[in-house]
Amino acid sequence: MGDAFRAGYYVSPEAYLAAERSRAQKHEYLAGVEYLMAGASAGHNRIAGNLFGELRGQLEGTPCEVFSADLKVRIATATAEFYYYPDVTVDCSGVSDTALFAERPRVIFEVLSPETERIDRGEKLRSYQSLPSLDACVLVDQHRVAVMVHRRIEGGWARELLTEQAELLQLPTIACAISLAAIYRRTGL
């Protein structure tokens, strides 16, 4: 995520959203503190693009749609707000054309990098899992074939690790399935 944009300085959610509209670089927002996002490698972008393309084709004609990393996800608790930029988001709630964020995503994908992996597997995953609408959070390793799927089950969350190119990432709640070979297309893995 990078260093705090304004360390020790509280920024309101409204000020963050207004500033984010005109910035050249993206920032995530965690309960009043903005964090500059790190740039992504070509491999990272290939994986995110592959996911986006596969999902876009499979979701055509359904109420669900896929969004790239430019759409934020808002998480609101009783005491704080958080805004993250997942690499790929599937939302089925009918996000408006003017929306700056989704509030009810069904599936979120994060492509892991050495700079973000600790946060993506930790605090960000826990924040995503607090969303009542979320069915799955998928963490995709960009340096080896490894996809960790966190699925909502009755009473909590289950994990599933996929490591073979021939395996399918099954997303039954949005009626999609993607092979790991398709996810890692053109990455050399």
C-alpha atoms as a PDB file:
ATOM      1  CA  MET A   1       0.000   0.000   0.000  1.00  0.00           C
ATOM      2  CA  GLY A   2       2.834   2.430   0.560  1.00  0.00           C
ATOM      3  CA  ASP A   3       3.434   5.010   3.233  1.00  0.00           C
ATOM      4  CA  ALA A   4       0.701   7.086   4.789  1.00  0.00           C
ATOM      5  CA  PHE A   5      -0.162  10.034   2.582  1.00  0.00           C
ATOM      6  CA  ARG A   6      -0.694  12.337   5.537  1.00  0.00           C
ATOM      7  CA  ALA A   7       0.571  10.460   8.563  1.00  0.00           C
ATOM      8  CA  GLY A   8      -1.061  11.530  11.798  1.00  0.00           C
ATOM      9  CA  TYR A   9      -3.637  13.671  10.029  1.00  0.00           C
ATOM     10  CA  TYR A  10      -7.312  12.667  10.047  1.00  0.00           C
ATOM     11  CA  VAL A  11      -9.099  13.032   6.721  1.00  0.00           C
ATOM     12  CA  SER A  12     -12.880  12.736   6.558  1.00  0.00           C
ATOM     13  CA  PRO A  13     -14.392  10.217   4.131  1.00  0.00           C
ATOM     14  CA  GLU A  14     -15.945  13.089   2.174  1.00  0.00           C
ATOM     15  CA  ALA A  15     -12.604  14.912   1.836  1.00  0.00           C
ATOM     16  CA  TYR A  16     -10.909  11.681   0.764  1.00  0.00           C
ATOM     17  CA  LEU A  17     -13.512  10.959  -1.942  1.00  0.00           C
ATOM     18  CA  ALA A  18     -13.340  14.531  -3.241  1.00  0.00           C
ATOM     19  CA  ALA A  19      -9.530  14.540  -3.386  1.00  0.00           C
ATOM     20  CA  GLU A  20      -9.357  11.068  -4.938  1.00  0.00           C
ATOM     21  CA  ARG A  21     -11.342  12.240  -7.981  1.00  0.00           C
ATOM     22  CA  SER A  22      -8.549  14.548  -9.129  1.00  0.00           C
ATOM     23  CA  ARG A  23      -5.406  12.683  -8.064  1.00  0.00           C
ATOM     24  CA  ALA A  24      -3.019  11.102 -10.526  1.00  0.00           C
ATOM     25  CA  GLN A  25      -2.225   8.278  -8.069  1.00  0.00           C
ATOM     26  CA  LYS A  26      -4.731   6.161  -6.148  1.00  0.00           C
ATOM     27  CA  HIS A  27      -4.949   6.089  -2.374  1.00  0.00           C
ATOM     28  CA  GLU A  28      -6.783   3.693  -0.122  1.00  0.00           C
ATOM     29  CA  TYR A  29      -8.563   5.042   2.946  1.00  0.00           C
ATOM     30  CA  LEU A  30      -8.489   3.348   6.333  1.00  0.00           C
ATOM     31  CA  ALA A  31     -10.521   5.007   9.064  1.00  0.00           C
ATOM     32  CA  GLY A  32      -9.275   8.533   8.427  1.00  0.00           C
ATOM     33  CA  VAL A  33      -5.805   7.861   7.044  1.00  0.00           C
ATOM     34  CA  GLU A  34      -4.936   7.773   3.332  1.00  0.00           C
ATOM     35  CA  TYR A  35      -2.321   5.390   1.939  1.00  0.00           C
ATOM     36  CA  LEU A  36      -0.661   5.797  -1.444  1.00  0.00           C
ATOM     37  CA  MET A  37      -0.987   2.630  -3.509  1.00  0.00           C
ATOM     38  CA  ALA A  38       2.073   1.033  -5.051  1.00  0.00           C
ATOM     39  CA  GLY A  39       2.285   0.626  -8.810  1.00  0.00           C
ATOM     40  CA  ALA A  40       1.660  -2.795 -10.338  1.00  0.00           C
ATOM     41  CA  SER A  41       3.966  -4.955 -12.471  1.00  0.00           C
ATOM     42  CA  ALA A  42       3.148  -6.222 -15.950  1.00  0.00           C
ATOM     43  CA  GLY A  43       2.545  -9.712 -14.541  1.00  0.00           C
ATOM     44  CA  HIS A  44       0.134  -8.305 -11.984  1.00  0.00           C
ATOM     45  CA  ASN A  45      -1.745  -6.459 -14.724  1.00  0.00           C
ATOM     46  CA  ARG A  46      -1.861  -9.545 -16.961  1.00  0.00           C
ATOM     47  CA  ILE A  47      -3.451 -11.613 -14.198  1.00  0.00           C
ATOM     48  CA  ALA A  48      -5.964  -8.897 -13.300  1.00  0.00           C
ATOM     49  CA  GLY A  49      -6.783  -8.421 -16.997  1.00  0.00           C
ATOM     50  CA  ASN A  50      -7.219 -12.156 -17.510  1.00  0.00           C
ATOM     51  CA  LEU A  51      -9.612 -12.332 -14.570  1.00  0.00           C
ATOM     52  CA  PHE A  52     -11.551  -9.311 -15.808  1.00  0.00           C
ATOM     53  CA  GLY A  53     -11.843 -10.698 -19.343  1.00  0.00           C
ATOM     54  CA  GLU A  54     -12.917 -14.171 -18.262  1.00  0.00           C
ATOM     55  CA  LEU A  55     -15.512 -12.823 -15.846  1.00  0.00           C
ATOM     56  CA  ARG A  56     -16.850 -10.212 -18.256  1.00  0.00           C
ATOM     57  CA  GLY A  57     -17.608 -12.874 -20.851  1.00  0.00           C
ATOM     58  CA  GLN A  58     -19.210 -15.249 -18.359  1.00  0.00           C
ATOM     59  CA  LEU A  59     -21.318 -12.570 -16.661  1.00  0.00           C
ATOM     60  CA  GLU A  60     -22.762 -11.175 -19.904  1.00  0.00           C
ATOM     61  CA  GLY A  61     -26.548 -11.162 -19.681  1.00  0.00           C
ATOM     62  CA  THR A  62     -26.659 -11.579 -15.894  1.00  0.00           C
ATOM     63  CA  PRO A  63     -27.348  -8.960 -13.212  1.00  0.00           C
ATOM     64  CA  CYS A  64     -23.717  -9.265 -12.097  1.00  0.00           C
ATOM     65  CA  GLU A  65     -20.902  -7.202 -13.575  1.00  0.00           C
ATOM     66  CA  VAL A  66     -17.163  -7.057 -13.214  1.00  0.00           C
ATOM     67  CA  PHE A  67     -15.143  -3.952 -12.377  1.00  0.00           C
ATOM     68  CA  SER A  68     -11.427  -3.250 -12.643  1.00  0.00           C
ATOM     69  CA  ALA A  69      -9.164  -1.772  -9.980  1.00  0.00           C
ATOM     70  CA  ASP A  70     -10.484   1.721 -10.618  1.00  0.00           C
ATOM     71  CA  LEU A  71     -13.702   1.128  -8.655  1.00  0.00           C
ATOM     72  CA  LYS A  72     -13.330   1.301  -4.891  1.00  0.00           C
ATOM     73  CA  VAL A  73     -15.131  -0.920  -2.396  1.00  0.00           C
ATOM     74  CA  ARG A  74     -16.569   0.849   0.642  1.00  0.00           C
ATOM     75  CA  ILE A  75     -16.696  -0.879   4.007  1.00  0.00           C
ATOM     76  CA  ALA A  76     -18.550   0.966   6.744  1.00  0.00           C
ATOM     77  CA  THR A  77     -18.557  -0.077  10.380  1.00  0.00           C
ATOM     78  CA  ALA A  78     -20.261   1.585  13.316  1.00  0.00           C
ATOM     79  CA  THR A  79     -17.144   3.690  13.966  1.00  0.00           C
ATOM     80  CA  ALA A  80     -15.165   3.976  10.727  1.00  0.00           C
ATOM     81  CA  GLU A  81     -15.107   3.796   6.939  1.00  0.00           C
ATOM     82  CA  PHE A  82     -12.628   2.037   4.683  1.00  0.00           C
ATOM     83  CA  TYR A  83     -12.128   2.359   0.920  1.00  0.00           C
ATOM     84  CA  TYR A  84     -10.057  -0.207  -0.931  1.00  0.00           C
ATOM     85  CA  TYR A  85      -9.248  -0.720  -4.609  1.00  0.00           C
ATOM     86  CA  PRO A  86      -9.532  -4.478  -5.229  1.00  0.00           C
ATOM     87  CA  ASP A  87      -7.857  -5.651  -8.425  1.00  0.00           C
ATOM     88  CA  VAL A  88     -11.158  -7.089  -9.693  1.00  0.00           C
ATOM     89  CA  THR A  89     -14.643  -6.836  -8.173  1.00  0.00           C
ATOM     90  CA  VAL A  90     -17.880  -8.596  -9.085  1.00  0.00           C
ATOM     91  CA  ASP A  91     -21.026  -6.788  -7.960  1.00  0.00           C
ATOM     92  CA  CYS A  92     -24.607  -7.898  -8.574  1.00  0.00           C
ATOM     93  CA  SER A  93     -26.432  -5.007  -6.888  1.00  0.00           C
ATOM     94  CA  GLY A  94     -26.688  -2.637  -9.844  1.00  0.00           C
ATOM     95  CA  VAL A  95     -23.932  -0.092  -9.207  1.00  0.00           C
ATOM     96  CA  SER A  96     -24.907   3.202 -10.854  1.00  0.00           C
ATOM     97  CA  ASP A  97     -22.851   4.791 -13.625  1.00  0.00           C
ATOM     98  CA  THR A  98     -21.898   7.691 -11.347  1.00  0.00           C
ATOM     99  CA  ALA A  99     -20.888   5.575  -8.328  1.00  0.00           C
ATOM    100  CA  LEU A 100     -17.325   5.954  -7.070  1.00  0.00           C
ATOM    101  CA  PHE A 101     -17.501   2.733  -5.077  1.00  0.00           C
ATOM    102  CA  ALA A 102     -19.361  -0.527  -4.632  1.00  0.00           C
ATOM    103  CA  GLU A 103     -20.864  -1.373  -1.270  1.00  0.00           C
ATOM    104  CA  ARG A 104     -22.225  -4.872  -1.915  1.00  0.00           C
ATOM    105  CA  PRO A 105     -19.628  -6.857  -3.883  1.00  0.00           C
ATOM    106  CA  ARG A 106     -20.161 -10.614  -4.258  1.00  0.00           C
ATOM    107  CA  VAL A 107     -16.598 -11.619  -5.186  1.00  0.00           C
ATOM    108  CA  ILE A 108     -13.324  -9.728  -4.740  1.00  0.00           C
ATOM    109  CA  PHE A 109      -9.957 -10.607  -6.291  1.00  0.00           C
ATOM    110  CA  GLU A 110      -6.585  -9.387  -5.085  1.00  0.00           C
ATOM    111  CA  VAL A 111      -3.403 -10.146  -7.041  1.00  0.00           C
ATOM    112  CA  LEU A 112      -0.628 -10.490  -4.482  1.00  0.00           C
ATOM    113  CA  SER A 113       2.689  -8.710  -4.751  1.00  0.00           C
ATOM    114  CA  PRO A 114       5.605  -8.741  -2.292  1.00  0.00           C
ATOM    115  CA  GLU A 115       4.717  -5.171  -1.245  1.00  0.00           C
ATOM    116  CA  THR A 116       1.028  -5.865  -0.550  1.00  0.00           C
ATOM    117  CA  GLU A 117       0.798  -9.563   0.339  1.00  0.00           C
ATOM    118  CA  ARG A 118       0.921  -9.126   4.124  1.00  0.00           C
ATOM    119  CA  ILE A 119      -1.841  -6.511   4.069  1.00  0.00           C
ATOM    120  CA  ASP A 120      -3.925  -8.355   1.445  1.00  0.00           C
ATOM    121  CA  ARG A 121      -3.813 -11.608   3.456  1.00  0.00           C
ATOM    122  CA  GLY A 122      -4.393  -9.848   6.769  1.00  0.00           C
ATOM    123  CA  GLU A 123      -6.275  -6.655   7.483  1.00  0.00           C
ATOM    124  CA  LYS A 124      -7.681  -6.223   3.982  1.00  0.00           C
ATOM    125  CA  LEU A 125      -9.029  -9.787   3.870  1.00  0.00           C
ATOM    126  CA  ARG A 126     -10.644  -9.357   7.301  1.00  0.00           C
ATOM    127  CA  SER A 127     -12.219  -6.090   6.174  1.00  0.00           C
ATOM    128  CA  TYR A 128     -13.591  -7.695   3.012  1.00  0.00           C
ATOM    129  CA  GLN A 129     -14.968 -10.626   5.012  1.00  0.00           C
ATOM    130  CA  SER A 130     -16.979  -8.182   7.138  1.00  0.00           C
ATOM    131  CA  LEU A 131     -19.116  -7.356   4.084  1.00  0.00           C
ATOM    132  CA  PRO A 132     -22.425  -9.254   4.396  1.00  0.00           C
ATOM    133  CA  SER A 133     -22.741  -9.426   0.595  1.00  0.00           C
ATOM    134  CA  LEU A 134     -19.349 -11.051  -0.009  1.00  0.00           C
ATOM    135  CA  ASP A 135     -19.408 -14.729  -1.032  1.00  0.00           C
ATOM    136  CA  ALA A 136     -15.720 -15.131  -1.878  1.00  0.00           C
ATOM    137  CA  CYS A 137     -12.384 -13.358  -1.692  1.00  0.00           C
ATOM    138  CA  VAL A 138      -9.782 -14.752  -4.077  1.00  0.00           C
ATOM    139  CA  LEU A 139      -6.065 -14.104  -3.517  1.00  0.00           C
ATOM    140  CA  VAL A 140      -3.941 -14.773  -6.601  1.00  0.00           C
ATOM    141  CA  ASP A 141      -0.159 -15.141  -6.285  1.00  0.00           C
ATOM    142  CA  GLN A 142       1.578 -13.464  -9.217  1.00  0.00           C
ATOM    143  CA  HIS A 143       4.918 -15.286  -8.824  1.00  0.00           C
ATOM    144  CA  ARG A 144       3.717 -18.893  -8.702  1.00  0.00           C
ATOM    145  CA  VAL A 145       0.559 -20.762  -9.624  1.00  0.00           C
ATOM    146  CA  ALA A 146      -1.358 -20.458  -6.356  1.00  0.00           C
ATOM    147  CA  VAL A 147      -4.902 -19.241  -5.881  1.00  0.00           C
ATOM    148  CA  MET A 148      -6.319 -19.082  -2.357  1.00  0.00           C
ATOM    149  CA  VAL A 149     -10.109 -18.907  -2.260  1.00  0.00           C
ATOM    150  CA  HIS A 150     -11.822 -17.733   0.922  1.00  0.00           C
ATOM    151  CA  ARG A 151     -15.501 -18.772   0.698  1.00  0.00           C
ATOM    152  CA  ARG A 152     -18.334 -17.847   2.994  1.00  0.00           C
ATOM    153  CA  ILE A 153     -19.911 -20.924   4.533  1.00  0.00           C
ATOM    154  CA  GLU A 154     -22.527 -21.293   7.212  1.00  0.00           C
ATOM    155  CA  GLY A 155     -20.943 -20.014  10.386  1.00  0.00           C
ATOM    156  CA  GLY A 156     -17.758 -18.554   8.909  1.00  0.00           C
ATOM    157  CA  TRP A 157     -15.217 -18.926   6.123  1.00  0.00           C
ATOM    158  CA  ALA A 158     -13.477 -21.853   4.450  1.00  0.00           C
ATOM    159  CA  ARG A 159     -10.206 -21.779   2.492  1.00  0.00           C
ATOM    160  CA  GLU A 160      -9.331 -23.659  -0.653  1.00  0.00           C
ATOM    161  CA  LEU A 161      -5.898 -23.638  -2.310  1.00  0.00           C
ATOM    162  CA  LEU A 162      -5.608 -24.269  -6.062  1.00  0.00           C
ATOM    163  CA  THR A 163      -2.119 -24.879  -7.506  1.00  0.00           C
ATOM    164  CA  GLU A 164      -2.532 -26.761 -10.793  1.00  0.00           C
ATOM    165  CA  GLN A 165      -3.002 -25.065 -14.176  1.00  0.00           C
ATOM    166  CA  ALA A 166      -5.777 -27.568 -15.035  1.00  0.00           C
ATOM    167  CA  GLU A 167      -7.804 -26.781 -11.886  1.00  0.00           C
ATOM    168  CA  LEU A 168     -10.947 -24.675 -12.062  1.00  0.00           C
ATOM    169  CA  LEU A 169     -11.705 -21.778  -9.782  1.00  0.00           C
ATOM    170  CA  GLN A 170     -15.393 -22.406  -9.141  1.00  0.00           C
ATOM    171  CA  LEU A 171     -17.550 -19.423  -8.204  1.00  0.00           C
ATOM    172  CA  PRO A 172     -21.029 -20.952  -7.966  1.00  0.00           C
ATOM    173  CA  THR A 173     -22.788 -17.929  -6.449  1.00  0.00           C
ATOM    174  CA  ILE A 174     -22.111 -15.977  -9.649  1.00  0.00           C
ATOM    175  CA  ALA A 175     -22.239 -19.055 -11.938  1.00  0.00           C
ATOM    176  CA  CYS A 176     -18.619 -18.681 -13.122  1.00  0.00           C
ATOM    177  CA  ALA A 177     -15.657 -21.022 -13.428  1.00  0.00           C
ATOM    178  CA  ILE A 178     -12.158 -20.018 -14.551  1.00  0.00           C
ATOM    179  CA  SER A 179      -9.236 -22.331 -15.179  1.00  0.00           C
ATOM    180  CA  LEU A 180      -5.947 -21.448 -13.558  1.00  0.00           C
ATOM    181  CA  ALA A 181      -4.432 -21.702 -17.049  1.00  0.00           C
ATOM    182  CA  ALA A 182      -6.693 -18.803 -18.093  1.00  0.00           C
ATOM    183  CA  ILE A 183      -5.849 -16.788 -14.979  1.00  0.00           C
ATOM    184  CA  TYR A 184      -2.102 -17.146 -15.604  1.00  0.00           C
ATOM    185  CA  ARG A 185      -2.244 -16.790 -19.400  1.00  0.00           C
ATOM    186  CA  ARG A 186       0.846 -14.986 -20.845  1.00  0.00           C
ATOM    187  CA  THR A 187       2.634 -14.822 -17.472  1.00  0.00           C
ATOM    188  CA  GLY A 188       5.174 -17.559 -18.149  1.00  0.00           C
ATOM    189  CA  LEU A 189       4.024 -19.572 -15.121  1.00  0.00           C
END
